[in-house]
Structures are given as C-alpha cells and as structure tokens.
Amino acid sequence: MLLPLALSSAISYSYVASIKVAEPSHIKNLHRDDRAVIEYRLRRVTELCFALMVAVPILVTYVLRYYPTLQQSIRQLGIVPGFTNTYNWKYDLWNILLCFGKMCILYCGPLVTYMLSSPSIVQDMKEEYASLWGFRDHLFAPVTEELIYRALILCILQPVVSSTWALTVYTPMLFGLAHLHHGWSLYKQGTSLVTVLFTAAFQFLYTTVFGILANRVYLESGNNLWCAIVTHSTCNLGGFPSFEIRKTHARFFYVYLGLLVLGLTIFVKII
C-alpha cells in the first residue's frame, strides 16, 4: 500500500517540479503571466504529460500488475470517449453534456448577470480561449491537471484502495497541496506573511473541495476524463460569484442572490 501512495504523491509533485525545478535564469524573476514564462511552462508540462501517459500504464500493467492487460490500464484513464469503463461512446458523450449542464445550473446566477451586461459572446470567447493566457487557464490547465491528478493517480490507486470515500478525498488533498507554491510566489513578491498564509489556506481548501467534486464526477462517469475536464474548465471560467451587480444592476441584486442559492441547492442535489 505504501508504494502506490508514494507513487501517487510523486506524480502529484512532478507537475509543480516540471515548472519549478531547473527553471531558466532568464525567467526566474518574471511574473507567471509573462509570455516567456507561460510558453516555457506549457512546454514542460506537455513533455511531462506525454512521459507519464506512456510510463504509468506500462508500470501498473507489467511491474505492479494491477491490470491484466495494457489495454485495460489505458482504458482506466478515460482519455478517449468510448474507451472508458462504460464501453459506450454514446453514454460517454451524454455524460460530458450532462456535466456541462449541471455546471450551468451551478453558475445560473453569473450566467444571467453576464447576459445582462449585453456581451459580445464571440469577442469574449476569443479573449478567454484564443489568447495565450485564456488557453492556459481554460483549456491547458484543466486538461493537464485532470490527466495527472485524476486519471493517472487514480489509475494507480483504484486497484488497491477499496474505499470510494478514501479515493474521493485523498487525491484532492494532493491537488490542493500542489497549489501551495502560489503562496511562495506571493511571499517572494513581498506580500505580507499574514496575507500569504490566508491566501494559501483558502487556495488549499478551495482546490481540495474542487478535487473532491472532480473525483466524484470522474468515478461516477466510469472514469470519463472529459467529464472532469469540463467541470474544471467551467469552474476556472466561472470563478467565484461577483457582487459588482449591486452597483451595475441594483434592482436585480436580490434576484441574483436567489439564483446563486437556487443554483447551488439544485447542483448539490443532482451531482
């Protein structure tokens, strides 16, 4: 049991290590949103993901012997709809759409607020997905983080951890711990220690709770990785509720609060 736990912890740490260890000197002191930093990190994480996608299935099949065939260990990752534990591509696609629908219910308040602002949907989509920064936050991060913290880690742990509760809770803590390096970055920028500690604690709590949600979605969909990715991407895009509407659309404010409560209540019941 110690070996799979150690392996899952190592894989969890590898994501942060890939962008922090041996970081080139010319980008060390640059902000994370600097183009050079983003391009370097995208390349490093991509290399890591490809390496782990090859290494982990081979390891769990031929060394640890958790799965009878390499095909079964790859199926366990759930990367391709139809090649999951459901054995049904139509069911997988339906689950992906269902996950997106549930996330829309959760964010019904912000969605209505967005429509009230008379948005340019095409322009907003370009800014959120076509820019390097939007690509990182809403596509690259959800895909790579879910691959590593959901698919690859659970591929190692599922055969040896019989408790669904333990599976659902343990790996999100690894996901939460992996985000603590943001606190160190704030500290290096001169942010006060109290602010750093509060930010790190909040980020750990939020990412851990999100990880529990993503694990639940992933496991209940038959290890469909794209369900977790859609959930992750939607959360990154939606973020936390903003109360700016109190200034911009004061008459709608209490309706907005009601939609937040309604969306959360329904989401908790149907998830």
C-alpha atoms as a PDB file:
ATOM      1  CA  MET A   1       0.000   0.000   0.000  1.00  0.00           C
ATOM      2  CA  LEU A   2       2.887   2.379   0.709  1.00  0.00           C
ATOM      3  CA  LEU A   3       4.243   2.025  -2.828  1.00  0.00           C
ATOM      4  CA  PRO A   4       1.098   3.239  -4.655  1.00  0.00           C
ATOM      5  CA  LEU A   5       0.738   6.090  -2.157  1.00  0.00           C
ATOM      6  CA  ALA A   6       4.357   7.086  -2.719  1.00  0.00           C
ATOM      7  CA  LEU A   7       3.948   6.863  -6.498  1.00  0.00           C
ATOM      8  CA  SER A   8       0.787   8.955  -6.485  1.00  0.00           C
ATOM      9  CA  SER A   9       2.488  11.577  -4.307  1.00  0.00           C
ATOM     10  CA  ALA A  10       5.498  11.644  -6.641  1.00  0.00           C
ATOM     11  CA  ILE A  11       3.278  12.103  -9.703  1.00  0.00           C
ATOM     12  CA  SER A  12       1.428  14.877  -7.904  1.00  0.00           C
ATOM     13  CA  TYR A  13       4.674  16.677  -7.104  1.00  0.00           C
ATOM     14  CA  SER A  14       6.002  16.161 -10.640  1.00  0.00           C
ATOM     15  CA  TYR A  15       3.553  18.724 -12.055  1.00  0.00           C
ATOM     16  CA  VAL A  16       4.962  21.521  -9.911  1.00  0.00           C
ATOM     17  CA  ALA A  17       8.519  20.201 -10.221  1.00  0.00           C
ATOM     18  CA  SER A  18       8.326  20.281 -14.014  1.00  0.00           C
ATOM     19  CA  ILE A  19       7.882  24.065 -13.987  1.00  0.00           C
ATOM     20  CA  LYS A  20       9.921  24.945 -10.898  1.00  0.00           C
ATOM     21  CA  VAL A  21      12.970  22.664 -10.922  1.00  0.00           C
ATOM     22  CA  ALA A  22      15.841  23.834 -13.162  1.00  0.00           C
ATOM     23  CA  GLU A  23      13.878  26.897 -14.209  1.00  0.00           C
ATOM     24  CA  PRO A  24      15.962  29.010 -16.641  1.00  0.00           C
ATOM     25  CA  SER A  25      17.545  32.042 -15.009  1.00  0.00           C
ATOM     26  CA  HIS A  26      16.122  34.477 -17.568  1.00  0.00           C
ATOM     27  CA  ILE A  27      12.524  33.771 -16.466  1.00  0.00           C
ATOM     28  CA  LYS A  28      13.057  33.078 -12.756  1.00  0.00           C
ATOM     29  CA  ASN A  29      12.009  36.524 -11.581  1.00  0.00           C
ATOM     30  CA  LEU A  30       9.316  37.120 -14.173  1.00  0.00           C
ATOM     31  CA  HIS A  31       5.593  37.088 -13.340  1.00  0.00           C
ATOM     32  CA  ARG A  32       3.644  33.898 -14.080  1.00  0.00           C
ATOM     33  CA  ASP A  33       1.621  35.803 -16.690  1.00  0.00           C
ATOM     34  CA  ASP A  34       4.699  36.823 -18.675  1.00  0.00           C
ATOM     35  CA  ARG A  35       4.559  35.265 -22.154  1.00  0.00           C
ATOM     36  CA  ALA A  36       8.029  33.696 -21.829  1.00  0.00           C
ATOM     37  CA  VAL A  37       7.062  32.043 -18.523  1.00  0.00           C
ATOM     38  CA  ILE A  38       3.793  30.705 -19.919  1.00  0.00           C
ATOM     39  CA  GLU A  39       5.410  29.273 -23.049  1.00  0.00           C
ATOM     40  CA  TYR A  40       8.148  27.593 -21.002  1.00  0.00           C
ATOM     41  CA  ARG A  41       5.640  26.055 -18.591  1.00  0.00           C
ATOM     42  CA  LEU A  42       3.324  24.868 -21.357  1.00  0.00           C
ATOM     43  CA  ARG A  43       6.222  23.065 -22.997  1.00  0.00           C
ATOM     44  CA  ARG A  44       7.480  21.476 -19.769  1.00  0.00           C
ATOM     45  CA  VAL A  45       4.062  20.281 -18.618  1.00  0.00           C
ATOM     46  CA  THR A  46       3.285  18.887 -22.083  1.00  0.00           C
ATOM     47  CA  GLU A  47       6.515  16.872 -22.012  1.00  0.00           C
ATOM     48  CA  LEU A  48       5.661  15.601 -18.526  1.00  0.00           C
ATOM     49  CA  CYS A  49       2.151  14.544 -19.534  1.00  0.00           C
ATOM     50  CA  PHE A  50       3.327  12.578 -22.560  1.00  0.00           C
ATOM     51  CA  ALA A  51       6.025  10.871 -20.490  1.00  0.00           C
ATOM     52  CA  LEU A  52       3.566   9.885 -17.755  1.00  0.00           C
ATOM     53  CA  MET A  53       0.926   8.701 -20.243  1.00  0.00           C
ATOM     54  CA  VAL A  54       3.488   6.221 -21.539  1.00  0.00           C
ATOM     55  CA  ALA A  55       5.139   5.284 -18.239  1.00  0.00           C
ATOM     56  CA  VAL A  56       2.175   4.839 -15.889  1.00  0.00           C
ATOM     57  CA  PRO A  57       0.152   2.287 -17.934  1.00  0.00           C
ATOM     58  CA  ILE A  58       3.312   0.233 -18.502  1.00  0.00           C
ATOM     59  CA  LEU A  59       4.196   0.440 -14.797  1.00  0.00           C
ATOM     60  CA  VAL A  60       0.781  -0.601 -13.484  1.00  0.00           C
ATOM     61  CA  THR A  61       0.439  -3.407 -16.043  1.00  0.00           C
ATOM     62  CA  TYR A  62       3.853  -5.050 -16.253  1.00  0.00           C
ATOM     63  CA  VAL A  63       5.585  -4.065 -12.993  1.00  0.00           C
ATOM     64  CA  LEU A  64       2.861  -3.652 -10.372  1.00  0.00           C
ATOM     65  CA  ARG A  65       0.463  -5.989 -12.238  1.00  0.00           C
ATOM     66  CA  TYR A  66      -2.642  -4.063 -11.193  1.00  0.00           C
ATOM     67  CA  TYR A  67      -4.292  -4.652 -14.584  1.00  0.00           C
ATOM     68  CA  PRO A  68      -4.325  -7.816 -16.720  1.00  0.00           C
ATOM     69  CA  THR A  69      -3.584  -6.000 -19.988  1.00  0.00           C
ATOM     70  CA  LEU A  70      -2.068  -2.728 -21.152  1.00  0.00           C
ATOM     71  CA  GLN A  71      -5.328  -2.004 -22.959  1.00  0.00           C
ATOM     72  CA  GLN A  72      -7.247  -2.181 -19.681  1.00  0.00           C
ATOM     73  CA  SER A  73      -4.869   0.181 -17.884  1.00  0.00           C
ATOM     74  CA  ILE A  74      -5.153   2.706 -20.740  1.00  0.00           C
ATOM     75  CA  ARG A  75      -8.951   2.340 -20.700  1.00  0.00           C
ATOM     76  CA  GLN A  76      -8.841   3.174 -16.999  1.00  0.00           C
ATOM     77  CA  LEU A  77      -7.512   6.654 -17.829  1.00  0.00           C
ATOM     78  CA  GLY A  78     -10.660   7.511 -19.798  1.00  0.00           C
ATOM     79  CA  ILE A  79      -8.895   9.770 -22.286  1.00  0.00           C
ATOM     80  CA  VAL A  80     -10.976   8.781 -25.327  1.00  0.00           C
ATOM     81  CA  PRO A  81     -14.806   8.730 -25.128  1.00  0.00           C
ATOM     82  CA  GLY A  82     -15.937   5.165 -25.751  1.00  0.00           C
ATOM     83  CA  PHE A  83     -12.639   3.786 -24.457  1.00  0.00           C
ATOM     84  CA  THR A  84     -13.611   4.097 -20.795  1.00  0.00           C
ATOM     85  CA  ASN A  85     -15.101   1.788 -18.193  1.00  0.00           C
ATOM     86  CA  THR A  86     -18.554   2.372 -19.691  1.00  0.00           C
ATOM     87  CA  TYR A  87     -17.525   0.732 -23.014  1.00  0.00           C
ATOM     88  CA  ASN A  88     -20.045   3.036 -24.714  1.00  0.00           C
ATOM     89  CA  TRP A  89     -19.103   6.222 -26.585  1.00  0.00           C
ATOM     90  CA  LYS A  90     -22.695   7.485 -26.716  1.00  0.00           C
ATOM     91  CA  TYR A  91     -23.014   7.169 -22.950  1.00  0.00           C
ATOM     92  CA  ASP A  92     -19.663   8.935 -22.512  1.00  0.00           C
ATOM     93  CA  LEU A  93     -20.698  11.851 -24.728  1.00  0.00           C
ATOM     94  CA  TRP A  94     -24.003  12.104 -22.881  1.00  0.00           C
ATOM     95  CA  ASN A  95     -22.162  12.226 -19.548  1.00  0.00           C
ATOM     96  CA  ILE A  96     -19.951  15.058 -20.828  1.00  0.00           C
ATOM     97  CA  LEU A  97     -23.011  17.080 -21.889  1.00  0.00           C
ATOM     98  CA  LEU A  98     -24.700  16.257 -18.595  1.00  0.00           C
ATOM     99  CA  CYS A  99     -21.704  17.547 -16.638  1.00  0.00           C
ATOM    100  CA  PHE A 100     -21.745  20.785 -18.602  1.00  0.00           C
ATOM    101  CA  GLY A 101     -25.473  21.176 -17.972  1.00  0.00           C
ATOM    102  CA  LYS A 102     -25.007  20.672 -14.241  1.00  0.00           C
ATOM    103  CA  MET A 103     -22.246  23.286 -14.158  1.00  0.00           C
ATOM    104  CA  CYS A 104     -24.540  25.729 -15.983  1.00  0.00           C
ATOM    105  CA  ILE A 105     -27.120  25.191 -13.239  1.00  0.00           C
ATOM    106  CA  LEU A 106     -24.478  25.895 -10.583  1.00  0.00           C
ATOM    107  CA  TYR A 107     -23.491  29.112 -12.354  1.00  0.00           C
ATOM    108  CA  CYS A 108     -27.019  30.183 -13.351  1.00  0.00           C
ATOM    109  CA  GLY A 109     -26.666  33.436 -11.374  1.00  0.00           C
ATOM    110  CA  PRO A 110     -23.412  34.554 -13.024  1.00  0.00           C
ATOM    111  CA  LEU A 111     -24.739  33.426 -16.436  1.00  0.00           C
ATOM    112  CA  VAL A 112     -27.812  35.644 -16.124  1.00  0.00           C
ATOM    113  CA  THR A 113     -25.623  38.519 -14.929  1.00  0.00           C
ATOM    114  CA  TYR A 114     -23.371  38.028 -17.929  1.00  0.00           C
ATOM    115  CA  MET A 115     -26.319  38.232 -20.313  1.00  0.00           C
ATOM    116  CA  LEU A 116     -27.497  41.444 -18.624  1.00  0.00           C
ATOM    117  CA  SER A 117     -24.188  43.092 -19.493  1.00  0.00           C
ATOM    118  CA  SER A 118     -25.030  42.928 -23.237  1.00  0.00           C
ATOM    119  CA  PRO A 119     -21.955  40.844 -24.004  1.00  0.00           C
ATOM    120  CA  SER A 120     -20.144  40.271 -27.258  1.00  0.00           C
ATOM    121  CA  ILE A 121     -20.053  36.492 -26.990  1.00  0.00           C
ATOM    122  CA  VAL A 122     -17.744  35.957 -29.981  1.00  0.00           C
ATOM    123  CA  GLN A 123     -15.241  38.533 -28.730  1.00  0.00           C
ATOM    124  CA  ASP A 124     -15.359  37.157 -25.188  1.00  0.00           C
ATOM    125  CA  MET A 125     -14.776  33.626 -26.459  1.00  0.00           C
ATOM    126  CA  LYS A 126     -11.734  34.845 -28.384  1.00  0.00           C
ATOM    127  CA  GLU A 127     -10.336  36.559 -25.298  1.00  0.00           C
ATOM    128  CA  GLU A 128     -10.993  33.609 -22.998  1.00  0.00           C
ATOM    129  CA  TYR A 129      -9.855  30.788 -25.289  1.00  0.00           C
ATOM    130  CA  ALA A 130      -7.841  32.149 -28.222  1.00  0.00           C
ATOM    131  CA  SER A 131      -5.328  34.193 -26.207  1.00  0.00           C
ATOM    132  CA  LEU A 132      -2.276  32.513 -24.668  1.00  0.00           C
ATOM    133  CA  TRP A 133      -3.476  33.390 -21.162  1.00  0.00           C
ATOM    134  CA  GLY A 134      -7.005  32.156 -21.777  1.00  0.00           C
ATOM    135  CA  PHE A 135      -5.716  28.972 -23.403  1.00  0.00           C
ATOM    136  CA  ARG A 136      -3.577  28.299 -20.318  1.00  0.00           C
ATOM    137  CA  ASP A 137      -6.350  28.916 -17.791  1.00  0.00           C
ATOM    138  CA  HIS A 138      -9.385  27.422 -19.518  1.00  0.00           C
ATOM    139  CA  LEU A 139      -8.002  24.647 -21.743  1.00  0.00           C
ATOM    140  CA  PHE A 140      -4.432  23.639 -20.985  1.00  0.00           C
ATOM    141  CA  ALA A 141      -4.622  23.699 -17.178  1.00  0.00           C
ATOM    142  CA  PRO A 142      -7.895  21.725 -16.937  1.00  0.00           C
ATOM    143  CA  VAL A 143      -6.728  19.072 -19.425  1.00  0.00           C
ATOM    144  CA  THR A 144      -3.250  18.535 -17.963  1.00  0.00           C
ATOM    145  CA  GLU A 145      -4.233  18.822 -14.305  1.00  0.00           C
ATOM    146  CA  GLU A 146      -7.132  16.402 -14.685  1.00  0.00           C
ATOM    147  CA  LEU A 147      -4.928  13.985 -16.616  1.00  0.00           C
ATOM    148  CA  ILE A 148      -2.379  13.915 -13.813  1.00  0.00           C
ATOM    149  CA  TYR A 149      -4.428  14.454 -10.637  1.00  0.00           C
ATOM    150  CA  ARG A 150      -7.425  12.429 -11.719  1.00  0.00           C
ATOM    151  CA  ALA A 151      -6.641   9.869 -14.419  1.00  0.00           C
ATOM    152  CA  LEU A 152      -3.024   8.892 -13.756  1.00  0.00           C
ATOM    153  CA  ILE A 153      -3.115   8.991  -9.956  1.00  0.00           C
ATOM    154  CA  LEU A 154      -6.420   7.125  -9.725  1.00  0.00           C
ATOM    155  CA  CYS A 155      -5.135   4.583 -12.249  1.00  0.00           C
ATOM    156  CA  ILE A 156      -2.545   3.683  -9.620  1.00  0.00           C
ATOM    157  CA  LEU A 157      -4.808   3.868  -6.565  1.00  0.00           C
ATOM    158  CA  GLN A 158      -8.122   2.383  -7.732  1.00  0.00           C
ATOM    159  CA  PRO A 159      -6.921  -1.247  -7.810  1.00  0.00           C
ATOM    160  CA  VAL A 160      -5.538  -1.082  -4.244  1.00  0.00           C
ATOM    161  CA  VAL A 161      -7.915   1.301  -2.438  1.00  0.00           C
ATOM    162  CA  SER A 162     -11.274  -0.357  -1.883  1.00  0.00           C
ATOM    163  CA  SER A 163     -12.953   2.630  -0.225  1.00  0.00           C
ATOM    164  CA  THR A 164     -14.584   5.035  -2.689  1.00  0.00           C
ATOM    165  CA  TRP A 165     -14.610   7.665   0.068  1.00  0.00           C
ATOM    166  CA  ALA A 166     -10.845   7.362   0.538  1.00  0.00           C
ATOM    167  CA  LEU A 167     -10.279   7.617  -3.220  1.00  0.00           C
ATOM    168  CA  THR A 168     -12.529  10.645  -3.442  1.00  0.00           C
ATOM    169  CA  VAL A 169     -10.844  12.534  -0.586  1.00  0.00           C
ATOM    170  CA  TYR A 170      -7.140  11.573  -0.674  1.00  0.00           C
ATOM    171  CA  THR A 171      -6.149  12.667  -4.178  1.00  0.00           C
ATOM    172  CA  PRO A 172      -7.852  16.092  -3.888  1.00  0.00           C
ATOM    173  CA  MET A 173      -5.565  16.802  -0.943  1.00  0.00           C
ATOM    174  CA  LEU A 174      -2.599  16.176  -3.260  1.00  0.00           C
ATOM    175  CA  PHE A 175      -4.224  18.552  -5.734  1.00  0.00           C
ATOM    176  CA  GLY A 176      -4.641  21.157  -3.003  1.00  0.00           C
ATOM    177  CA  LEU A 177      -1.057  20.807  -1.788  1.00  0.00           C
ATOM    178  CA  ALA A 178       0.216  21.203  -5.337  1.00  0.00           C
ATOM    179  CA  HIS A 179      -1.256  24.719  -5.426  1.00  0.00           C
ATOM    180  CA  LEU A 180       0.590  25.935  -2.317  1.00  0.00           C
ATOM    181  CA  HIS A 181       3.537  27.056  -4.440  1.00  0.00           C
ATOM    182  CA  HIS A 182       1.422  30.076  -5.408  1.00  0.00           C
ATOM    183  CA  GLY A 183       1.751  31.216  -1.790  1.00  0.00           C
ATOM    184  CA  TRP A 184       5.532  31.064  -2.029  1.00  0.00           C
ATOM    185  CA  SER A 185       5.395  33.144  -5.204  1.00  0.00           C
ATOM    186  CA  LEU A 186       3.359  35.787  -3.366  1.00  0.00           C
ATOM    187  CA  TYR A 187       5.839  35.792  -0.489  1.00  0.00           C
ATOM    188  CA  LYS A 188       8.754  36.346  -2.884  1.00  0.00           C
ATOM    189  CA  GLN A 189       6.874  39.294  -4.368  1.00  0.00           C
ATOM    190  CA  GLY A 190       6.852  40.983  -0.947  1.00  0.00           C
ATOM    191  CA  THR A 191       3.292  40.152   0.100  1.00  0.00           C
ATOM    192  CA  SER A 192       2.784  40.179   3.880  1.00  0.00           C
ATOM    193  CA  LEU A 193       3.075  36.820   5.645  1.00  0.00           C
ATOM    194  CA  VAL A 194      -0.479  37.028   7.015  1.00  0.00           C
ATOM    195  CA  THR A 195      -1.876  37.588   3.520  1.00  0.00           C
ATOM    196  CA  VAL A 196       0.248  34.761   2.117  1.00  0.00           C
ATOM    197  CA  LEU A 197      -0.914  32.317   4.816  1.00  0.00           C
ATOM    198  CA  PHE A 198      -4.564  33.289   4.388  1.00  0.00           C
ATOM    199  CA  THR A 199      -4.340  33.032   0.599  1.00  0.00           C
ATOM    200  CA  ALA A 200      -2.541  29.665   0.747  1.00  0.00           C
ATOM    201  CA  ALA A 201      -5.040  28.234   3.254  1.00  0.00           C
ATOM    202  CA  PHE A 202      -8.010  29.414   1.200  1.00  0.00           C
ATOM    203  CA  GLN A 203      -6.482  28.099  -2.020  1.00  0.00           C
ATOM    204  CA  PHE A 204      -5.766  24.723  -0.421  1.00  0.00           C
ATOM    205  CA  LEU A 205      -9.339  24.466   0.870  1.00  0.00           C
ATOM    206  CA  TYR A 206     -10.902  25.546  -2.428  1.00  0.00           C
ATOM    207  CA  THR A 207      -8.772  23.274  -4.623  1.00  0.00           C
ATOM    208  CA  THR A 208      -9.309  20.325  -2.278  1.00  0.00           C
ATOM    209  CA  VAL A 209     -13.093  20.779  -2.327  1.00  0.00           C
ATOM    210  CA  PHE A 210     -12.999  21.140  -6.103  1.00  0.00           C
ATOM    211  CA  GLY A 211     -10.853  17.991  -6.325  1.00  0.00           C
ATOM    212  CA  ILE A 212     -13.475  16.046  -4.378  1.00  0.00           C
ATOM    213  CA  LEU A 213     -16.113  17.224  -6.857  1.00  0.00           C
ATOM    214  CA  ALA A 214     -13.948  16.326  -9.865  1.00  0.00           C
ATOM    215  CA  ASN A 215     -13.164  12.892  -8.401  1.00  0.00           C
ATOM    216  CA  ARG A 216     -16.844  12.203  -7.862  1.00  0.00           C
ATOM    217  CA  VAL A 217     -17.667  13.236 -11.428  1.00  0.00           C
ATOM    218  CA  TYR A 218     -14.799  11.170 -12.835  1.00  0.00           C
ATOM    219  CA  LEU A 219     -15.549   7.992 -10.885  1.00  0.00           C
ATOM    220  CA  GLU A 220     -19.332   8.106 -11.355  1.00  0.00           C
ATOM    221  CA  SER A 221     -18.978   8.602 -15.119  1.00  0.00           C
ATOM    222  CA  GLY A 222     -16.976   5.378 -15.465  1.00  0.00           C
ATOM    223  CA  ASN A 223     -13.591   7.145 -15.468  1.00  0.00           C
ATOM    224  CA  ASN A 224     -14.557   9.566 -18.231  1.00  0.00           C
ATOM    225  CA  LEU A 225     -11.729  12.103 -18.058  1.00  0.00           C
ATOM    226  CA  TRP A 226     -13.578  14.656 -20.187  1.00  0.00           C
ATOM    227  CA  CYS A 227     -16.315  14.962 -17.575  1.00  0.00           C
ATOM    228  CA  ALA A 228     -13.698  16.090 -15.061  1.00  0.00           C
ATOM    229  CA  ILE A 229     -12.100  18.410 -17.639  1.00  0.00           C
ATOM    230  CA  VAL A 230     -15.431  20.088 -18.448  1.00  0.00           C
ATOM    231  CA  THR A 231     -16.107  20.546 -14.733  1.00  0.00           C
ATOM    232  CA  HIS A 232     -12.637  22.006 -14.183  1.00  0.00           C
ATOM    233  CA  SER A 233     -12.745  24.328 -17.180  1.00  0.00           C
ATOM    234  CA  THR A 234     -16.187  25.652 -16.250  1.00  0.00           C
ATOM    235  CA  CYS A 235     -15.063  26.365 -12.680  1.00  0.00           C
ATOM    236  CA  ASN A 236     -11.978  28.196 -13.970  1.00  0.00           C
ATOM    237  CA  LEU A 237     -14.125  30.255 -16.319  1.00  0.00           C
ATOM    238  CA  GLY A 238     -16.904  30.978 -13.825  1.00  0.00           C
ATOM    239  CA  GLY A 239     -14.711  31.593 -10.781  1.00  0.00           C
ATOM    240  CA  PHE A 240     -16.311  32.960  -7.628  1.00  0.00           C
ATOM    241  CA  PRO A 241     -19.560  34.936  -7.657  1.00  0.00           C
ATOM    242  CA  SER A 242     -19.019  38.667  -8.126  1.00  0.00           C
ATOM    243  CA  PHE A 243     -21.205  41.162  -6.310  1.00  0.00           C
ATOM    244  CA  GLU A 244     -20.451  44.027  -8.690  1.00  0.00           C
ATOM    245  CA  ILE A 245     -24.017  43.627  -9.896  1.00  0.00           C
ATOM    246  CA  ARG A 246     -25.093  45.557  -6.809  1.00  0.00           C
ATOM    247  CA  LYS A 247     -23.596  48.636  -8.470  1.00  0.00           C
ATOM    248  CA  THR A 248     -24.378  47.906 -12.108  1.00  0.00           C
ATOM    249  CA  HIS A 249     -27.887  46.392 -11.781  1.00  0.00           C
ATOM    250  CA  ALA A 250     -29.033  47.195  -8.243  1.00  0.00           C
ATOM    251  CA  ARG A 251     -32.658  46.163  -8.843  1.00  0.00           C
ATOM    252  CA  PHE A 252     -31.528  42.699  -9.904  1.00  0.00           C
ATOM    253  CA  PHE A 253     -29.194  42.145  -6.929  1.00  0.00           C
ATOM    254  CA  TYR A 254     -31.553  40.098  -4.735  1.00  0.00           C
ATOM    255  CA  VAL A 255     -32.710  38.054  -7.703  1.00  0.00           C
ATOM    256  CA  TYR A 256     -29.030  37.337  -8.352  1.00  0.00           C
ATOM    257  CA  LEU A 257     -28.534  36.186  -4.744  1.00  0.00           C
ATOM    258  CA  GLY A 258     -31.576  33.953  -5.078  1.00  0.00           C
ATOM    259  CA  LEU A 259     -30.194  32.417  -8.270  1.00  0.00           C
ATOM    260  CA  LEU A 260     -26.871  31.725  -6.532  1.00  0.00           C
ATOM    261  CA  VAL A 261     -28.641  29.863  -3.726  1.00  0.00           C
ATOM    262  CA  LEU A 262     -31.007  28.076  -6.115  1.00  0.00           C
ATOM    263  CA  GLY A 263     -28.182  27.015  -8.433  1.00  0.00           C
ATOM    264  CA  LEU A 264     -26.076  25.673  -5.572  1.00  0.00           C
ATOM    265  CA  THR A 265     -29.036  23.866  -3.976  1.00  0.00           C
ATOM    266  CA  ILE A 266     -30.068  22.125  -7.196  1.00  0.00           C
ATOM    267  CA  PHE A 267     -26.449  21.322  -8.059  1.00  0.00           C
ATOM    268  CA  VAL A 268     -25.843  19.635  -4.696  1.00  0.00           C
ATOM    269  CA  LYS A 269     -28.976  17.520  -5.174  1.00  0.00           C
ATOM    270  CA  ILE A 270     -28.190  16.367  -8.722  1.00  0.00           C
ATOM    271  CA  ILE A 271     -24.418  15.974  -8.636  1.00  0.00           C
END
